[in-house]
């Protein structure tokens, strides 16, 4: 991970949970840098949503 300015050996010394957190953050930052990546992140957020958007449901019902 060149974004961290850490050497390979420094990264290997990190606790695994810290490494995974850094990896996740840099992966997200990389996706946010392109339009396609931002769309993929938005789709992922929608798929992980567990509560219904009641306002959108009401709009769909009223427009039908």
Protein backbone atom coordinates (compact mmCIF):
# COMPACT_ATOMS: atom_id res chain seq x y z
CA UNK A 1 0.00 0.00 0.00
CA UNK A 2 2.03 2.88 -1.30
CA UNK A 3 -0.59 5.37 -0.03
CA UNK A 4 0.53 4.76 3.56
CA UNK A 5 4.16 5.71 2.90
CA UNK A 6 5.06 2.58 4.85
CA UNK A 7 7.50 -0.08 3.78
CA UNK A 8 6.44 -3.65 3.21
CA UNK A 9 8.06 -4.68 6.50
CA UNK A 10 6.25 -1.94 8.44
CA UNK A 11 2.94 -3.05 7.00
CA UNK A 12 3.69 -6.67 7.90
CA UNK A 13 4.21 -5.59 11.53
CA UNK A 14 0.73 -4.05 11.79
CA UNK A 15 -1.97 -5.96 13.65
CA UNK A 16 -4.21 -7.72 11.16
CA UNK A 17 -7.28 -5.68 12.14
CA UNK A 18 -5.39 -2.42 11.55
CA UNK A 19 -4.18 -3.67 8.17
CA UNK A 20 -7.74 -4.59 7.15
CA UNK A 21 -9.00 -1.18 8.26
CA UNK A 22 -6.34 0.61 6.22
CA UNK A 23 -6.99 -1.62 3.22
CA UNK A 24 -10.72 -0.90 3.40
CA UNK A 25 -10.21 2.86 3.66
CA UNK A 26 -7.80 3.01 0.72
CA UNK A 27 -10.10 0.79 -1.34
CA UNK A 28 -13.01 3.16 -0.70
CA UNK A 29 -10.88 6.24 -1.43
CA UNK A 30 -9.81 4.64 -4.70
CA UNK A 31 -13.42 3.90 -5.67
CA UNK A 32 -14.53 7.45 -4.81
CA UNK A 33 -12.02 8.85 -7.31
CA UNK A 34 -14.06 7.74 -10.35
CA UNK A 35 -17.69 8.09 -11.35
CA UNK A 36 -18.08 4.33 -11.81
CA UNK A 37 -16.59 3.74 -8.37
CA UNK A 38 -18.99 6.20 -6.73
CA UNK A 39 -21.90 4.43 -8.43
CA UNK A 40 -20.64 1.06 -7.19
CA UNK A 41 -20.35 2.40 -3.63
CA UNK A 42 -23.90 3.78 -3.81
CA UNK A 43 -25.24 0.44 -5.06
CA UNK A 44 -23.42 -1.29 -2.23
CA UNK A 45 -24.90 1.09 0.32
CA UNK A 46 -28.39 0.49 -1.05
CA UNK A 47 -27.92 -3.29 -0.88
CA UNK A 48 -26.76 -3.09 2.74
CA UNK A 49 -29.66 -0.89 3.84
CA UNK A 50 -31.90 -2.75 6.28
CA UNK A 51 -34.60 -0.15 6.95
CA UNK A 52 -37.15 0.79 4.27
CA UNK A 53 -37.26 4.35 2.95
CA UNK A 54 -40.89 5.06 3.81
CA UNK A 55 -40.96 8.40 2.00
CA UNK A 56 -39.94 6.78 -1.29
CA UNK A 57 -42.52 4.03 -0.80
CA UNK A 58 -45.25 6.61 -0.19
CA UNK A 59 -44.20 8.53 -3.31
CA UNK A 60 -44.39 5.36 -5.41
CA UNK A 61 -47.85 4.52 -4.05
CA UNK A 62 -49.18 8.06 -4.59
CA UNK A 63 -47.77 8.25 -8.15
CA UNK A 64 -49.36 4.94 -9.19
